[in-house]
Amino acid sequence: MIKLIYRDNDNLIRVTGLRDISASGDYLNAATVEANLYDDDGNLVSQSGGITLSYVSGSTGDYEGVLQSTESLTVGDEYKLEIDADEGGAVGHWKVECEIVERNA
């Protein structure tokens, strides 16, 4: 599934329900979660490096961060958002295909 990123807008990046896959299945509420955006050639998009996703207080493993509107992105181009999470040896890694679009009314 391709996610849309709206050019010239702040875009919310969200991970929901982060859990440990061990037998306990506990929610991970103290993880280090970071996102990076890469262009089609695999190059890190300059300002997007190291977007910190912070724990949403009172949630069950939810984290949020913002891809800033100041990022120079080209409409129609495809990018890859990579998200990494780590809490006490429990590790997660996601690659999300993204397309840049204009926001229309």
C-alpha atoms as a PDB file:
ATOM      1  CA  MET A   1       0.000   0.000   0.000  1.00  0.00           C
ATOM      2  CA  ILE A   2       1.364   3.413  -0.958  1.00  0.00           C
ATOM      3  CA  LYS A   3       0.965   6.183   1.609  1.00  0.00           C
ATOM      4  CA  LEU A   4       0.512   9.771   0.482  1.00  0.00           C
ATOM      5  CA  ILE A   5       2.719  12.619   1.645  1.00  0.00           C
ATOM      6  CA  TYR A   6       1.261  16.075   1.080  1.00  0.00           C
ATOM      7  CA  ARG A   7       3.858  18.491  -0.309  1.00  0.00           C
ATOM      8  CA  ASP A   8       4.243  21.790   1.574  1.00  0.00           C
ATOM      9  CA  ASN A   9       2.339  20.372   4.581  1.00  0.00           C
ATOM     10  CA  ASP A  10       3.462  18.986   7.903  1.00  0.00           C
ATOM     11  CA  ASN A  11       2.771  15.233   7.725  1.00  0.00           C
ATOM     12  CA  LEU A  12       2.127  13.105  10.808  1.00  0.00           C
ATOM     13  CA  ILE A  13       4.052   9.837  10.973  1.00  0.00           C
ATOM     14  CA  ARG A  14       2.420   7.370  13.341  1.00  0.00           C
ATOM     15  CA  VAL A  15       3.193   3.898  14.659  1.00  0.00           C
ATOM     16  CA  THR A  16       0.312   2.361  16.595  1.00  0.00           C
ATOM     17  CA  GLY A  17       0.172  -0.519  19.037  1.00  0.00           C
ATOM     18  CA  LEU A  18       3.893  -1.303  19.151  1.00  0.00           C
ATOM     19  CA  ARG A  19       4.251  -4.640  20.979  1.00  0.00           C
ATOM     20  CA  ASP A  20       6.899  -7.103  22.072  1.00  0.00           C
ATOM     21  CA  ILE A  21       6.557 -10.330  20.082  1.00  0.00           C
ATOM     22  CA  SER A  22       7.630 -12.437  23.052  1.00  0.00           C
ATOM     23  CA  ALA A  23       5.113 -14.543  24.946  1.00  0.00           C
ATOM     24  CA  SER A  24       4.155 -11.538  27.087  1.00  0.00           C
ATOM     25  CA  GLY A  25       2.982  -9.457  24.108  1.00  0.00           C
ATOM     26  CA  ASP A  26       3.418  -6.330  26.234  1.00  0.00           C
ATOM     27  CA  TYR A  27       3.004  -2.920  24.625  1.00  0.00           C
ATOM     28  CA  LEU A  28       6.289  -1.079  24.182  1.00  0.00           C
ATOM     29  CA  ASN A  29       5.840   2.346  25.738  1.00  0.00           C
ATOM     30  CA  ALA A  30       9.516   3.314  26.146  1.00  0.00           C
ATOM     31  CA  ALA A  31      10.987   2.542  22.722  1.00  0.00           C
ATOM     32  CA  THR A  32      13.345   4.644  20.656  1.00  0.00           C
ATOM     33  CA  VAL A  33      11.521   5.175  17.355  1.00  0.00           C
ATOM     34  CA  GLU A  34      13.013   7.023  14.367  1.00  0.00           C
ATOM     35  CA  ALA A  35      11.977   7.558  10.754  1.00  0.00           C
ATOM     36  CA  ASN A  36      14.003   8.450   7.650  1.00  0.00           C
ATOM     37  CA  LEU A  37      12.763   9.342   4.171  1.00  0.00           C
ATOM     38  CA  TYR A  38      14.686   8.137   1.108  1.00  0.00           C
ATOM     39  CA  ASP A  39      14.281   9.086  -2.547  1.00  0.00           C
ATOM     40  CA  ASP A  40      13.931   6.567  -5.402  1.00  0.00           C
ATOM     41  CA  ASP A  41      17.733   6.262  -5.646  1.00  0.00           C
ATOM     42  CA  GLY A  42      18.063   5.367  -1.961  1.00  0.00           C
ATOM     43  CA  ASN A  43      19.467   8.751  -0.928  1.00  0.00           C
ATOM     44  CA  LEU A  44      18.429  10.192   2.417  1.00  0.00           C
ATOM     45  CA  VAL A  45      16.243  13.247   1.833  1.00  0.00           C
ATOM     46  CA  SER A  46      18.251  16.035   3.454  1.00  0.00           C
ATOM     47  CA  GLN A  47      16.077  17.452   6.217  1.00  0.00           C
ATOM     48  CA  SER A  48      14.135  14.276   6.977  1.00  0.00           C
ATOM     49  CA  GLY A  49      17.012  12.387   8.583  1.00  0.00           C
ATOM     50  CA  GLY A  50      16.310  11.197  12.061  1.00  0.00           C
ATOM     51  CA  ILE A  51      12.672  12.144  12.609  1.00  0.00           C
ATOM     52  CA  THR A  52      12.031  11.190  16.230  1.00  0.00           C
ATOM     53  CA  LEU A  53       8.679   9.579  16.952  1.00  0.00           C
ATOM     54  CA  SER A  54       7.705  10.240  20.563  1.00  0.00           C
ATOM     55  CA  TYR A  55       5.533   8.053  22.744  1.00  0.00           C
ATOM     56  CA  VAL A  56       1.914   9.260  22.927  1.00  0.00           C
ATOM     57  CA  SER A  57       1.277   9.608  26.653  1.00  0.00           C
ATOM     58  CA  GLY A  58      -1.322   7.187  28.015  1.00  0.00           C
ATOM     59  CA  SER A  59      -1.468   5.133  24.818  1.00  0.00           C
ATOM     60  CA  THR A  60      -0.751   1.469  24.244  1.00  0.00           C
ATOM     61  CA  GLY A  61       2.437   1.556  22.187  1.00  0.00           C
ATOM     62  CA  ASP A  62       1.623   4.576  19.992  1.00  0.00           C
ATOM     63  CA  TYR A  63       4.349   6.917  18.682  1.00  0.00           C
ATOM     64  CA  GLU A  64       4.150  10.098  16.590  1.00  0.00           C
ATOM     65  CA  GLY A  65       6.527  12.407  14.746  1.00  0.00           C
ATOM     66  CA  VAL A  66       6.276  15.057  12.031  1.00  0.00           C
ATOM     67  CA  LEU A  67       7.781  15.241   8.553  1.00  0.00           C
ATOM     68  CA  GLN A  68       8.102  19.020   8.252  1.00  0.00           C
ATOM     69  CA  SER A  69       6.512  21.079   5.472  1.00  0.00           C
ATOM     70  CA  THR A  70       9.902  22.664   4.728  1.00  0.00           C
ATOM     71  CA  GLU A  71      11.129  19.440   3.119  1.00  0.00           C
ATOM     72  CA  SER A  72      11.765  19.814  -0.650  1.00  0.00           C
ATOM     73  CA  LEU A  73       9.734  17.003  -2.241  1.00  0.00           C
ATOM     74  CA  THR A  74       8.697  16.556  -5.863  1.00  0.00           C
ATOM     75  CA  VAL A  75       5.053  15.880  -6.693  1.00  0.00           C
ATOM     76  CA  GLY A  76       4.617  12.534  -8.424  1.00  0.00           C
ATOM     77  CA  ASP A  77       7.902  11.106  -7.187  1.00  0.00           C
ATOM     78  CA  GLU A  78       7.996   8.008  -5.025  1.00  0.00           C
ATOM     79  CA  TYR A  79       9.914   7.831  -1.772  1.00  0.00           C
ATOM     80  CA  LYS A  80      10.487   5.203   0.896  1.00  0.00           C
ATOM     81  CA  LEU A  81       9.888   5.931   4.564  1.00  0.00           C
ATOM     82  CA  GLU A  82      11.881   3.653   6.850  1.00  0.00           C
ATOM     83  CA  ILE A  83      10.907   3.388  10.512  1.00  0.00           C
ATOM     84  CA  ASP A  84      13.040   1.724  13.182  1.00  0.00           C
ATOM     85  CA  ALA A  85      11.996   0.927  16.749  1.00  0.00           C
ATOM     86  CA  ASP A  86      14.017  -0.558  19.598  1.00  0.00           C
ATOM     87  CA  GLU A  87      13.188  -1.203  23.227  1.00  0.00           C
ATOM     88  CA  GLY A  88      15.380  -3.476  25.293  1.00  0.00           C
ATOM     89  CA  GLY A  89      16.305  -5.716  22.376  1.00  0.00           C
ATOM     90  CA  ALA A  90      12.815  -5.831  20.867  1.00  0.00           C
ATOM     91  CA  VAL A  91      13.430  -4.433  17.368  1.00  0.00           C
ATOM     92  CA  GLY A  92      11.052  -3.392  14.586  1.00  0.00           C
ATOM     93  CA  HIS A  93      11.794  -2.173  11.053  1.00  0.00           C
ATOM     94  CA  TRP A  94       9.277  -1.009   8.425  1.00  0.00           C
ATOM     95  CA  LYS A  95       9.620   0.232   4.845  1.00  0.00           C
ATOM     96  CA  VAL A  96       6.656   2.213   3.571  1.00  0.00           C
ATOM     97  CA  GLU A  97       6.300   3.298  -0.067  1.00  0.00           C
ATOM     98  CA  CYS A  98       5.150   6.907  -0.315  1.00  0.00           C
ATOM     99  CA  GLU A  99       4.006   9.169  -3.126  1.00  0.00           C
ATOM    100  CA  ILE A 100       4.200  12.959  -2.999  1.00  0.00           C
ATOM    101  CA  VAL A 101       0.952  14.745  -3.887  1.00  0.00           C
ATOM    102  CA  GLU A 102      -0.554  18.231  -3.710  1.00  0.00           C
ATOM    103  CA  ARG A 103      -3.301  18.716  -1.147  1.00  0.00           C
ATOM    104  CA  ASN A 104      -6.505  19.771  -2.891  1.00  0.00           C
ATOM    105  CA  ALA A 105      -9.740  21.031  -1.383  1.00  0.00           C
END
